Amino acid sequence: MIGEFSALAARRGAQIVLARCDAHTTTVAFRALARLLRAMFTVDGLNDADARTHVLAQCGGTLSPGSADAQILFEVMGIAIRCAAIAG
């Protein structure tokens, strides 16, 4: 059913992004969402700073780097600036 829905959406021009949880992460809140967002923004393989820059570029100026929205998105994606990085 997922394959059929994805094919239909793709034929209509939608970007298809699939994510799944590993069995050992099924109890971790937001894990599936994090993987979905990371796939959608294509940040896997980038370091956190480059990933943040890449996400902001894809948002076309609609997301301010210092905004609460950006910080929430970065946190969910696992690319937020860590306190230790700020203090160091």
Protein backbone atom coordinates (compact mmCIF):
# COMPACT_ATOMS: atom_id res chain seq x y z
CA MET A 1 0.00 0.00 0.00
CA ILE A 2 2.87 2.38 0.81
CA GLY A 3 4.46 1.63 -2.56
CA GLU A 4 1.23 2.34 -4.42
CA PHE A 5 0.60 5.58 -2.53
CA SER A 6 4.19 6.70 -3.11
CA ALA A 7 3.97 5.94 -6.83
CA LEU A 8 0.70 7.89 -7.13
CA ALA A 9 2.15 10.86 -5.25
CA ALA A 10 5.34 10.77 -7.34
CA ARG A 11 3.33 10.81 -10.58
CA ARG A 12 1.68 13.98 -9.30
CA GLY A 13 5.04 15.63 -8.68
CA ALA A 14 5.39 15.08 -4.93
CA GLN A 15 8.80 14.47 -3.37
CA ILE A 16 8.74 11.03 -1.77
CA VAL A 17 10.70 10.57 1.46
CA LEU A 18 10.68 7.31 3.39
CA ALA A 19 11.97 6.78 6.91
CA ARG A 20 11.84 3.90 9.30
CA CYS A 21 12.90 3.21 12.87
CA ASP A 22 15.41 0.60 13.81
CA ALA A 23 13.97 -1.99 16.18
CA HIS A 24 16.14 -0.76 19.06
CA THR A 25 14.89 2.85 18.67
CA THR A 26 11.13 2.23 18.65
CA THR A 27 10.78 3.66 22.16
CA VAL A 28 12.78 6.82 21.39
CA ALA A 29 10.44 9.77 20.88
CA PHE A 30 10.72 11.53 17.51
CA ARG A 31 13.19 9.00 16.04
CA ALA A 32 11.05 8.36 12.96
CA LEU A 33 10.40 12.09 12.53
CA ALA A 34 14.11 12.84 12.86
CA ARG A 35 14.98 10.29 10.18
CA LEU A 36 12.23 11.59 7.92
CA LEU A 37 13.44 15.18 8.24
CA ARG A 38 17.09 14.19 7.74
CA ALA A 39 16.11 12.34 4.55
CA MET A 40 13.89 15.16 3.33
CA PHE A 41 16.62 17.77 3.80
CA THR A 42 19.37 15.35 2.62
CA VAL A 43 21.76 16.03 5.49
CA ASP A 44 23.06 12.53 6.18
CA GLY A 45 26.85 12.52 5.88
CA LEU A 46 27.17 16.24 6.67
CA ASN A 47 28.62 17.57 9.92
CA ASP A 48 26.14 19.47 12.10
CA ALA A 49 27.24 22.96 11.00
CA ASP A 50 27.08 22.06 7.31
CA ALA A 51 23.73 20.34 7.84
CA ARG A 52 22.25 23.46 9.46
CA THR A 53 23.50 25.61 6.58
CA HIS A 54 22.09 23.12 4.06
CA VAL A 55 18.66 23.10 5.76
CA LEU A 56 18.50 26.89 5.90
CA ALA A 57 19.45 27.15 2.21
CA GLN A 58 16.64 24.78 1.28
CA CYS A 59 14.15 26.90 3.21
CA GLY A 60 14.79 29.81 0.85
CA GLY A 61 15.08 32.47 3.55
CA THR A 62 11.80 31.57 5.24
CA LEU A 63 13.61 30.21 8.31
CA SER A 64 15.86 32.50 10.33
CA PRO A 65 18.98 30.75 11.72
CA GLY A 66 18.43 32.05 15.26
CA SER A 67 14.67 31.58 15.37
CA ALA A 68 12.94 29.25 17.80
CA ASP A 69 11.50 27.36 14.82
CA ALA A 70 14.96 26.71 13.41
CA GLN A 71 16.27 25.60 16.79
CA ILE A 72 13.37 23.16 17.26
CA LEU A 73 13.89 21.75 13.76
CA PHE A 74 17.64 21.39 14.31
CA GLU A 75 17.06 19.72 17.69
CA VAL A 76 14.63 17.18 16.27
CA MET A 77 17.04 16.45 13.42
CA GLY A 78 19.96 16.01 15.85
CA ILE A 79 21.99 18.87 14.35
CA ALA A 80 21.45 21.56 16.98
CA ILE A 81 24.34 23.49 18.46
CA ARG A 82 25.29 21.77 21.71
CA CYS A 83 25.95 23.77 24.87
CA ALA A 84 29.46 22.33 25.13
CA ALA A 85 30.21 23.62 21.61
CA ILE A 86 29.02 27.09 22.60
CA ALA A 87 30.99 27.16 25.86
CA GLY A 88 34.16 25.77 24.24
